[in-house]
């Protein structure tokens, strides 16, 4: 990975490092990236020579209240009405090649600041860094390992048509479900070889590739590490997979539920906690029992995840995945090596003890979902909460505990019980996020679906 830089590292030192990095690789262009609320890459592409002379790139703050459709909510009170500019500073730790570019091109993720030096609290990287600071003050360092699912689909240029599995090397689309099928993965060997090459060039620490339950549904596991670094990697990985797929004339999608008769796509988050000074896993000890901190972490997830649901399921499509017997959790029960619960504790040696949050969808913004999941666990530990008994058997037979649609999730986020979570993430950020998602929900409700035309047009 690139040399580590803290976001407070002096400006001159950071640009000296970046200038040297660009010159050694003969870079001609730089993609200056900022992840927005939806995880979309915003920013500018500028010549490398100009990038090294920039005193700080500018972008309007209002990009952080733009919806996925490009609209803005009626309530813009979370941002300055003058639509002020932010000063963007590159994080040298994130600089990487753009391996699919025809000319020597670099990409670097930027942090956002106001002119007085304050961090922009609406920026997803700032939100995650805010939560990590709370852990740091306790002498704790959270460790995460995401597992990201996605579908390969036939190129679809008309949104009125349903998605279909793509054609593989055999010349045939995948019809049957091929969970863990090796030959099914090999159907797309040329694509995956290119994905791995692109990831290696960008120093993205991906690990295992498997075929998931759906037709042409895949899962990539990331190596465990620092939450901010992993969020950067997931952000860049999504761009990489979509680009590689289009080079093979197919699409890759991270929608939570792209096809109605197939399983949805999740982003499972394995999270653990180590002592910052000793490196000891604080979820383990010399005894086989779980530590009090681990139990409280699980209890915090159980208590606050329903209020955080709009961060883990941020789109109207997200809730199509959260359905009983659909390989997705419907509650926040926990259990040992139990894939039906929302919070699974895998069997492992004490050094690797962790909890797997299985609620989040693949369509989430990695910075925001990591921040929300870690915030829930943090609150549980600080409040010394106790979890309910572990579930044995299927949790699908138990009642729903999670919101069933985006509107309900946003109502949960407005409840008084959500206040500790909102304070941890930043109240102005939560206010803006609610306004954005309410606008997206209202935009969705204005669309008349083919189902309505099929069954209501001539029958009601």
Protein backbone atom coordinates (compact mmCIF):
# COMPACT_ATOMS: atom_id res chain seq x y z
CA UNK A 1 0.00 0.00 0.00
CA UNK A 2 1.11 3.63 -0.44
CA UNK A 3 2.90 5.46 2.37
CA UNK A 4 0.47 6.26 5.18
CA UNK A 5 -0.52 9.88 5.62
CA UNK A 6 -2.82 11.32 8.26
CA UNK A 7 -5.36 13.85 6.98
CA UNK A 8 -3.61 16.51 9.09
CA UNK A 9 -0.21 15.91 7.43
CA UNK A 10 1.14 19.29 6.20
CA UNK A 11 0.03 20.28 2.73
CA UNK A 12 3.56 20.68 1.34
CA UNK A 13 4.68 17.20 2.48
CA UNK A 14 1.66 15.59 0.87
CA UNK A 15 2.11 17.33 -2.46
CA UNK A 16 5.87 16.60 -2.52
CA UNK A 17 5.06 12.90 -2.13
CA UNK A 18 2.35 13.05 -4.81
CA UNK A 19 4.54 14.97 -7.26
CA UNK A 20 7.32 12.41 -6.88
CA UNK A 21 4.86 9.52 -7.29
CA UNK A 22 3.40 10.98 -10.49
CA UNK A 23 6.78 11.82 -12.02
CA UNK A 24 8.20 8.33 -11.41
CA UNK A 25 5.27 6.79 -13.29
CA UNK A 26 5.12 9.43 -16.05
CA UNK A 27 1.47 10.19 -15.22
CA UNK A 28 -0.23 12.63 -17.58
CA UNK A 29 -3.73 12.87 -16.00
CA UNK A 30 -5.16 12.62 -12.49
CA UNK A 31 -8.71 11.62 -11.57
CA UNK A 32 -9.55 13.57 -8.40
CA UNK A 33 -12.26 11.56 -6.65
CA UNK A 34 -14.77 12.34 -3.91
CA UNK A 35 -17.31 9.66 -2.89
CA UNK A 36 -20.75 11.22 -2.48
CA UNK A 37 -23.64 10.09 -0.27
CA UNK A 38 -24.62 7.27 -2.66
CA UNK A 39 -21.00 6.18 -3.17
CA UNK A 40 -20.85 7.73 -6.65
CA UNK A 41 -17.43 9.09 -7.66
CA UNK A 42 -17.60 12.87 -8.07
CA UNK A 43 -14.68 15.17 -8.84
CA UNK A 44 -12.51 16.37 -11.70
CA UNK A 45 -9.97 15.02 -14.17
CA UNK A 46 -7.02 17.37 -14.53
CA UNK A 47 -3.54 17.30 -16.14
CA UNK A 48 -0.86 15.99 -13.82
CA UNK A 49 1.18 19.17 -14.24
CA UNK A 50 -1.71 21.30 -13.01
CA UNK A 51 -2.56 18.88 -10.18
CA UNK A 52 0.88 19.35 -8.62
CA UNK A 53 0.44 23.14 -8.68
CA UNK A 54 -3.11 23.17 -7.26
CA UNK A 55 -3.53 24.86 -3.88
CA UNK A 56 -6.66 22.83 -3.29
CA UNK A 57 -9.29 21.81 -5.80
CA UNK A 58 -12.79 23.26 -5.35
CA UNK A 59 -16.19 21.58 -5.53
CA UNK A 60 -19.56 22.87 -4.31
CA UNK A 61 -20.73 21.52 -0.96
CA UNK A 62 -24.13 20.81 -2.48
CA UNK A 63 -22.80 17.63 -4.15
CA UNK A 64 -23.42 15.96 -0.79
CA UNK A 65 -27.18 16.49 -0.98
CA UNK A 66 -27.58 15.32 -4.57
CA UNK A 67 -29.87 12.30 -4.95
CA UNK A 68 -29.11 9.22 -7.03
CA UNK A 69 -31.35 10.69 -9.78
CA UNK A 70 -29.42 13.97 -9.82
CA UNK A 71 -32.14 15.93 -8.04
CA UNK A 72 -31.99 17.87 -4.78
CA UNK A 73 -34.37 17.68 -1.81
CA UNK A 74 -36.73 20.57 -1.13
CA UNK A 75 -35.20 20.85 2.34
CA UNK A 76 -31.67 22.14 1.71
CA UNK A 77 -31.25 23.53 5.22
CA UNK A 78 -28.36 21.15 5.94
CA UNK A 79 -26.11 23.09 3.53
CA UNK A 80 -25.19 26.73 3.13
CA UNK A 81 -27.85 28.43 0.92
CA UNK A 82 -25.05 30.25 -0.93
CA UNK A 83 -23.88 26.88 -2.34
CA UNK A 84 -20.36 27.50 -1.08
CA UNK A 85 -17.27 25.77 -2.38
CA UNK A 86 -15.29 23.20 -0.42
CA UNK A 87 -11.50 22.94 -0.55
CA UNK A 88 -10.44 19.42 -1.53
CA UNK A 89 -7.16 17.97 -0.36
CA UNK A 90 -5.79 14.69 -1.78
CA UNK A 91 -5.07 11.81 0.58
CA UNK A 92 -1.70 10.54 -0.68
CA UNK A 93 -2.36 7.14 0.91
CA UNK A 94 -5.06 6.56 -1.71
CA UNK A 95 -3.15 7.35 -4.90
CA UNK A 96 -3.25 4.50 -7.40
CA UNK A 97 -2.97 3.86 -11.12
CA UNK A 98 -6.07 3.69 -13.30
CA UNK A 99 -5.12 0.41 -15.00
CA UNK A 100 -7.79 0.53 -17.72
CA UNK A 101 -6.87 4.02 -18.95
CA UNK A 102 -5.23 4.27 -22.37
CA UNK A 103 -2.79 6.94 -21.15
CA UNK A 104 -0.82 6.91 -17.89
CA UNK A 105 -3.50 8.04 -15.42
CA UNK A 106 -3.65 8.18 -11.64
CA UNK A 107 -6.61 8.37 -9.28
CA UNK A 108 -6.59 9.81 -5.78
CA UNK A 109 -9.37 10.16 -3.22
CA UNK A 110 -9.80 13.60 -1.67
CA UNK A 111 -10.98 14.88 1.71
CA UNK A 112 -13.21 17.93 1.95
CA UNK A 113 -12.63 21.02 4.08
CA UNK A 114 -14.15 24.45 4.61
CA UNK A 115 -11.98 27.53 4.12
CA UNK A 116 -11.40 27.81 7.88
CA UNK A 117 -9.88 24.30 7.93
CA UNK A 118 -12.86 22.41 9.38
CA UNK A 119 -13.67 19.04 7.81
CA UNK A 120 -16.93 18.93 5.86
CA UNK A 121 -19.13 16.85 8.13
CA UNK A 122 -21.39 15.79 5.24
CA UNK A 123 -18.55 13.94 3.49
CA UNK A 124 -18.81 10.14 3.93
CA UNK A 125 -15.07 9.80 4.65
CA UNK A 126 -15.44 12.38 7.42
CA UNK A 127 -18.41 10.49 8.90
CA UNK A 128 -16.39 7.26 9.12
CA UNK A 129 -13.34 9.07 10.48
CA UNK A 130 -15.58 10.66 13.14
CA UNK A 131 -16.69 7.23 14.40
CA UNK A 132 -13.13 5.88 14.33
CA UNK A 133 -12.01 8.82 16.47
CA UNK A 134 -14.42 7.72 19.21
CA UNK A 135 -12.88 4.25 19.15
CA UNK A 136 -9.39 5.75 19.24
CA UNK A 137 -10.22 7.79 22.35
CA UNK A 138 -11.00 4.53 24.16
CA UNK A 139 -7.70 2.96 23.09
CA UNK A 140 -9.56 0.68 20.67
CA UNK A 141 -8.92 -0.10 17.01
CA UNK A 142 -11.77 -1.72 15.05
CA UNK A 143 -10.88 -4.23 12.34
CA UNK A 144 -13.25 -5.16 9.53
CA UNK A 145 -13.37 -7.55 6.58
CA UNK A 146 -16.14 -7.00 4.01
CA UNK A 147 -17.59 -9.67 1.72
CA UNK A 148 -19.16 -8.09 -1.36
CA UNK A 149 -21.68 -9.81 -3.65
CA UNK A 150 -22.62 -8.69 -7.15
CA UNK A 151 -24.32 -9.96 -10.32
CA UNK A 152 -23.03 -10.17 -13.85
CA UNK A 153 -25.88 -9.42 -16.25
CA UNK A 154 -26.49 -9.21 -19.96
CA UNK A 155 -26.09 -5.67 -21.28
CA UNK A 156 -29.36 -3.84 -20.66
CA UNK A 157 -29.97 -0.52 -22.39
CA UNK A 158 -33.75 -0.40 -21.88
CA UNK A 159 -34.78 -0.22 -18.20
CA UNK A 160 -38.27 -1.48 -19.05
CA UNK A 161 -36.80 -4.94 -19.70
CA UNK A 162 -35.84 -7.29 -16.88
CA UNK A 163 -32.20 -8.18 -16.34
CA UNK A 164 -30.88 -11.50 -17.64
CA UNK A 165 -27.75 -13.57 -16.96
CA UNK A 166 -24.97 -12.94 -19.49
CA UNK A 167 -23.53 -15.38 -22.02
CA UNK A 168 -20.43 -17.19 -20.74
CA UNK A 169 -17.59 -18.97 -22.57
CA UNK A 170 -19.92 -21.88 -23.39
CA UNK A 171 -22.14 -19.56 -25.43
CA UNK A 172 -25.07 -20.18 -23.07
CA UNK A 173 -26.49 -18.14 -20.18
CA UNK A 174 -26.60 -19.61 -16.70
CA UNK A 175 -30.05 -21.06 -16.03
CA UNK A 176 -29.72 -23.09 -12.82
CA UNK A 177 -28.36 -21.76 -9.55
CA UNK A 178 -24.72 -22.70 -9.13
CA UNK A 179 -23.79 -21.85 -5.52
CA UNK A 180 -20.04 -22.43 -5.02
CA UNK A 181 -19.80 -23.82 -8.57
CA UNK A 182 -16.24 -23.73 -9.90
CA UNK A 183 -17.19 -24.35 -13.53
CA UNK A 184 -19.78 -21.56 -13.31
CA UNK A 185 -17.05 -19.13 -12.27
CA UNK A 186 -14.82 -20.42 -15.07
CA UNK A 187 -17.48 -19.38 -17.58
CA UNK A 188 -16.18 -15.84 -17.04
CA UNK A 189 -12.47 -16.56 -16.57
CA UNK A 190 -11.27 -13.83 -18.98
CA UNK A 191 -13.28 -11.22 -17.07
CA UNK A 192 -12.09 -12.33 -13.63
CA UNK A 193 -8.48 -12.50 -14.76
CA UNK A 194 -8.77 -8.88 -15.85
CA UNK A 195 -10.47 -7.91 -12.56
CA UNK A 196 -7.64 -9.50 -10.57
CA UNK A 197 -5.04 -7.77 -12.78
CA UNK A 198 -6.77 -4.41 -12.29
CA UNK A 199 -6.99 -4.97 -8.52
CA UNK A 200 -3.32 -5.93 -8.30
CA UNK A 201 -2.34 -2.78 -10.20
CA UNK A 202 -4.38 -0.72 -7.71
CA UNK A 203 -3.14 -2.66 -4.65
CA UNK A 204 -6.67 -3.67 -3.68
CA UNK A 205 -6.41 -6.52 -1.18
CA UNK A 206 -9.06 -8.89 -2.47
CA UNK A 207 -8.96 -12.51 -1.44
CA UNK A 208 -11.42 -15.29 -2.30
CA UNK A 209 -13.74 -15.37 -5.31
CA UNK A 210 -16.79 -17.63 -5.13
CA UNK A 211 -20.00 -18.16 -7.05
CA UNK A 212 -23.00 -17.21 -4.94
CA UNK A 213 -26.55 -18.57 -5.01
CA UNK A 214 -27.97 -16.47 -7.86
CA UNK A 215 -27.45 -16.97 -11.59
CA UNK A 216 -24.08 -15.34 -12.43
CA UNK A 217 -23.90 -13.94 -8.88
CA UNK A 218 -20.39 -13.66 -7.46
CA UNK A 219 -18.77 -12.77 -4.15
CA UNK A 220 -15.37 -11.25 -3.48
CA UNK A 221 -13.86 -11.31 0.02
CA UNK A 222 -11.45 -8.61 1.18
CA UNK A 223 -8.59 -9.17 3.60
CA UNK A 224 -9.24 -7.72 7.07
CA UNK A 225 -7.84 -4.34 7.98
CA UNK A 226 -8.46 -0.69 8.86
CA UNK A 227 -12.07 0.43 8.19
CA UNK A 228 -11.16 3.60 6.29
CA UNK A 229 -8.65 1.80 4.07
CA UNK A 230 -11.21 -0.96 3.39
CA UNK A 231 -13.91 1.59 2.57
CA UNK A 232 -11.55 3.18 0.03
CA UNK A 233 -10.86 -0.25 -1.46
CA UNK A 234 -14.55 -1.19 -1.76
CA UNK A 235 -15.28 2.20 -3.35
CA UNK A 236 -12.54 1.64 -5.94
CA UNK A 237 -13.40 -2.04 -6.40
CA UNK A 238 -16.95 -1.24 -7.48
CA UNK A 239 -15.60 1.11 -10.16
CA UNK A 240 -13.12 -1.57 -11.22
CA UNK A 241 -15.64 -4.39 -11.61
CA UNK A 242 -18.11 -2.24 -13.54
CA UNK A 243 -15.35 -1.05 -15.89
CA UNK A 244 -13.95 -4.56 -16.44
CA UNK A 245 -17.42 -5.97 -17.14
CA UNK A 246 -18.17 -3.32 -19.76
CA UNK A 247 -14.89 -4.15 -21.49
CA UNK A 248 -16.36 -7.66 -21.91
CA UNK A 249 -19.68 -6.24 -23.19
CA UNK A 250 -21.67 -7.12 -20.07
CA UNK A 251 -22.72 -5.25 -16.94
CA UNK A 252 -21.81 -5.81 -13.30
CA UNK A 253 -24.39 -4.57 -10.80
CA UNK A 254 -24.27 -4.07 -7.05
CA UNK A 255 -28.03 -3.55 -6.77
CA UNK A 256 -29.34 -5.29 -3.65
CA UNK A 257 -32.05 -7.16 -5.62
CA UNK A 258 -31.54 -6.89 -9.38
CA UNK A 259 -33.63 -9.94 -10.39
CA UNK A 260 -36.93 -10.86 -8.78
CA UNK A 261 -36.43 -14.64 -8.86
CA UNK A 262 -32.82 -14.61 -7.65
CA UNK A 263 -31.26 -14.00 -4.26
CA UNK A 264 -30.18 -10.50 -3.36
CA UNK A 265 -26.64 -9.18 -3.02
CA UNK A 266 -25.23 -8.33 0.41
CA UNK A 267 -22.11 -6.78 1.84
CA UNK A 268 -21.39 -8.81 4.97
CA UNK A 269 -19.16 -6.94 7.42
CA UNK A 270 -16.92 -8.94 9.76
CA UNK A 271 -15.94 -6.69 12.64
CA UNK A 272 -13.63 -7.18 15.59
CA UNK A 273 -11.78 -5.01 18.08
CA UNK A 274 -8.15 -4.90 19.15
CA UNK A 275 -6.29 -3.01 21.85
CA UNK A 276 -4.49 -0.14 20.13
CA UNK A 277 -1.29 -0.61 22.13
CA UNK A 278 -1.02 -4.39 22.53
CA UNK A 279 -2.81 -5.59 19.39
CA UNK A 280 -4.78 -8.11 21.47
CA UNK A 281 -8.27 -9.02 20.25
CA UNK A 282 -10.57 -7.55 22.91
CA UNK A 283 -13.41 -9.88 21.88
CA UNK A 284 -11.37 -12.85 23.19
CA UNK A 285 -9.57 -13.96 26.35
CA UNK A 286 -8.00 -17.13 27.70
CA UNK A 287 -11.41 -18.63 28.41
CA UNK A 288 -13.86 -20.06 25.86
CA UNK A 289 -16.58 -17.60 26.91
CA UNK A 290 -17.20 -14.41 24.97
CA UNK A 291 -15.85 -11.26 26.62
CA UNK A 292 -18.15 -8.62 28.09
CA UNK A 293 -17.02 -6.17 25.38
CA UNK A 294 -17.96 -8.64 22.65
CA UNK A 295 -21.39 -9.31 24.14
CA UNK A 296 -22.02 -5.58 24.52
CA UNK A 297 -20.88 -4.98 20.92
CA UNK A 298 -23.44 -7.54 19.72
CA UNK A 299 -26.09 -5.97 21.96
CA UNK A 300 -25.36 -2.55 20.48
CA UNK A 301 -25.88 -3.93 16.99
CA UNK A 302 -29.14 -5.54 18.09
CA UNK A 303 -30.35 -2.32 19.71
CA UNK A 304 -29.38 0.26 17.10
CA UNK A 305 -29.31 -1.51 13.71
CA UNK A 306 -33.08 -1.06 13.19
CA UNK A 307 -32.57 2.71 13.58
CA UNK A 308 -29.55 2.57 11.25
CA UNK A 309 -31.36 0.55 8.60
CA UNK A 310 -31.53 3.36 6.02
CA UNK A 311 -27.70 3.38 6.00
CA UNK A 312 -27.51 -0.40 5.50
CA UNK A 313 -30.38 -0.47 3.00
CA UNK A 314 -30.21 2.99 1.39
CA UNK A 315 -32.36 2.52 -1.73
CA UNK A 316 -35.94 1.56 -2.47
CA UNK A 317 -34.65 -1.61 -4.13
CA UNK A 318 -32.69 -2.56 -0.99
CA UNK A 319 -35.79 -3.80 0.83
CA UNK A 320 -36.71 -6.33 -1.84
CA UNK A 321 -33.75 -8.33 -0.54
CA UNK A 322 -34.93 -8.32 3.10
CA UNK A 323 -37.53 -11.09 2.82
CA UNK A 324 -38.14 -14.29 4.75
CA UNK A 325 -36.40 -17.43 3.39
CA UNK A 326 -34.53 -15.28 0.85
CA UNK A 327 -30.97 -15.86 2.11
CA UNK A 328 -31.09 -12.51 3.90
CA UNK A 329 -31.77 -11.70 7.58
CA UNK A 330 -35.12 -10.28 8.63
CA UNK A 331 -34.13 -9.57 12.24
CA UNK A 332 -31.17 -8.77 14.48
CA UNK A 333 -30.94 -12.10 16.25
CA UNK A 334 -27.46 -13.54 16.76
CA UNK A 335 -26.02 -17.03 16.86
CA UNK A 336 -22.94 -19.20 16.45
CA UNK A 337 -22.17 -20.20 12.86
CA UNK A 338 -25.80 -19.48 11.94
CA UNK A 339 -26.37 -17.94 8.50
CA UNK A 340 -30.06 -17.20 9.11
CA UNK A 341 -29.45 -14.53 11.77
CA UNK A 342 -28.54 -10.91 11.21
CA UNK A 343 -25.48 -11.19 13.46
CA UNK A 344 -23.42 -14.34 13.00
CA UNK A 345 -20.47 -15.34 15.17
CA UNK A 346 -18.28 -17.63 13.01
CA UNK A 347 -16.39 -20.41 14.71
CA UNK A 348 -12.77 -19.31 14.91
CA UNK A 349 -9.68 -19.32 17.10
CA UNK A 350 -9.64 -16.63 19.86
CA UNK A 351 -7.37 -14.29 17.86
CA UNK A 352 -9.89 -14.17 15.02
CA UNK A 353 -13.08 -13.81 17.07
CA UNK A 354 -15.49 -11.48 15.35
CA UNK A 355 -19.14 -10.81 14.57
CA UNK A 356 -20.47 -10.79 11.02
CA UNK A 357 -23.13 -8.17 10.30
CA UNK A 358 -25.20 -9.80 7.53
CA UNK A 359 -27.84 -7.07 7.19
CA UNK A 360 -26.17 -4.60 4.81
CA UNK A 361 -26.79 -4.74 1.06
CA UNK A 362 -24.16 -4.53 -1.67
CA UNK A 363 -25.68 -1.20 -2.76
CA UNK A 364 -24.49 0.66 0.33
CA UNK A 365 -21.92 3.41 0.51
CA UNK A 366 -18.98 1.59 2.20
CA UNK A 367 -17.91 4.62 4.25
CA UNK A 368 -21.39 5.20 5.64
CA UNK A 369 -22.27 1.56 6.27
CA UNK A 370 -18.97 0.85 8.05
CA UNK A 371 -19.48 3.97 10.17
CA UNK A 372 -23.06 3.00 11.04
CA UNK A 373 -22.26 -0.62 11.89
CA UNK A 374 -19.26 0.32 14.03
CA UNK A 375 -21.26 3.09 15.72
CA UNK A 376 -23.94 0.61 16.78
CA UNK A 377 -21.36 -1.70 18.30
CA UNK A 378 -19.58 1.22 19.99
CA UNK A 379 -22.79 2.40 21.65
CA UNK A 380 -23.43 -1.09 22.96
CA UNK A 381 -19.98 -1.22 24.56
CA UNK A 382 -20.19 2.29 26.04
CA UNK A 383 -23.68 1.61 27.43
CA UNK A 384 -22.69 -1.90 28.59
CA UNK A 385 -25.77 -3.41 26.93
CA UNK A 386 -26.51 -7.13 27.12
CA UNK A 387 -27.63 -9.20 24.11
CA UNK A 388 -30.59 -11.52 23.94
CA UNK A 389 -29.86 -15.27 24.03
CA UNK A 390 -28.20 -16.72 20.95
CA UNK A 391 -30.56 -18.36 18.45
CA UNK A 392 -30.24 -22.02 17.57
CA UNK A 393 -32.00 -23.17 14.44
CA UNK A 394 -33.58 -20.92 11.83
CA UNK A 395 -34.12 -17.25 12.62
CA UNK A 396 -36.28 -16.99 9.49
CA UNK A 397 -39.14 -18.41 11.56
CA UNK A 398 -38.93 -15.51 14.03
CA UNK A 399 -40.71 -12.16 13.56
CA UNK A 400 -39.41 -9.30 11.42
CA UNK A 401 -37.44 -6.74 13.43
CA UNK A 402 -36.09 -4.60 10.61
CA UNK A 403 -37.94 -1.92 8.60
CA UNK A 404 -39.58 -3.29 5.44
CA UNK A 405 -39.19 -0.22 3.21
CA UNK A 406 -37.19 3.00 2.95
CA UNK A 407 -39.94 5.21 4.33
CA UNK A 408 -40.23 3.07 7.47
CA UNK A 409 -36.45 3.02 7.88
CA UNK A 410 -36.31 6.82 7.70
CA UNK A 411 -39.06 7.02 10.33
CA UNK A 412 -36.93 4.79 12.57
CA UNK A 413 -34.02 7.19 12.04
CA UNK A 414 -36.27 10.03 13.26
CA UNK A 415 -37.28 8.28 16.50
CA UNK A 416 -35.93 9.68 19.81
CA UNK A 417 -34.20 6.33 20.46
CA UNK A 418 -31.94 6.97 17.44
CA UNK A 419 -30.44 10.14 18.98
CA UNK A 420 -27.23 8.50 20.35
CA UNK A 421 -26.56 7.05 16.89
CA UNK A 422 -27.29 10.38 15.15
CA UNK A 423 -24.95 12.23 17.52
CA UNK A 424 -22.17 9.75 16.84
CA UNK A 425 -22.52 10.01 13.06
CA UNK A 426 -23.11 13.76 13.11
CA UNK A 427 -26.53 15.37 13.39
CA UNK A 428 -26.10 17.63 10.34
CA UNK A 429 -25.04 14.64 8.25
CA UNK A 430 -28.08 12.63 9.41
CA UNK A 431 -30.40 15.57 8.67
CA UNK A 432 -29.04 15.86 5.13
CA UNK A 433 -29.14 12.10 4.61
CA UNK A 434 -32.82 11.92 5.64
CA UNK A 435 -33.72 14.76 3.26
CA UNK A 436 -31.92 13.05 0.35
CA UNK A 437 -33.52 9.67 0.95
CA UNK A 438 -37.03 11.10 1.44
CA UNK A 439 -36.63 12.88 -1.92
CA UNK A 440 -35.53 9.61 -3.58
CA UNK A 441 -38.48 7.77 -2.06
CA UNK A 442 -40.95 10.40 -3.30
CA UNK A 443 -39.37 10.27 -6.77
CA UNK A 444 -39.78 6.49 -6.80
CA UNK A 445 -43.45 6.73 -5.77
CA UNK A 446 -44.13 8.92 -8.79
CA UNK A 447 -43.13 6.10 -11.17
CA UNK A 448 -45.89 3.83 -12.50
CA UNK A 449 -44.53 0.28 -12.70
CA UNK A 450 -45.21 -2.45 -15.28
CA UNK A 451 -46.84 -4.50 -12.47
CA UNK A 452 -49.47 -1.79 -12.06
CA UNK A 453 -50.14 -1.69 -15.80
CA UNK A 454 -50.31 -5.51 -15.94
CA UNK A 455 -52.73 -6.06 -13.09
CA UNK A 456 -54.61 -2.80 -12.52
CA UNK A 457 -55.06 -1.23 -15.96
CA UNK A 458 -58.13 -3.26 -16.97
CA UNK A 459 -59.12 -4.92 -13.70
CA UNK A 460 -59.91 -2.20 -11.19
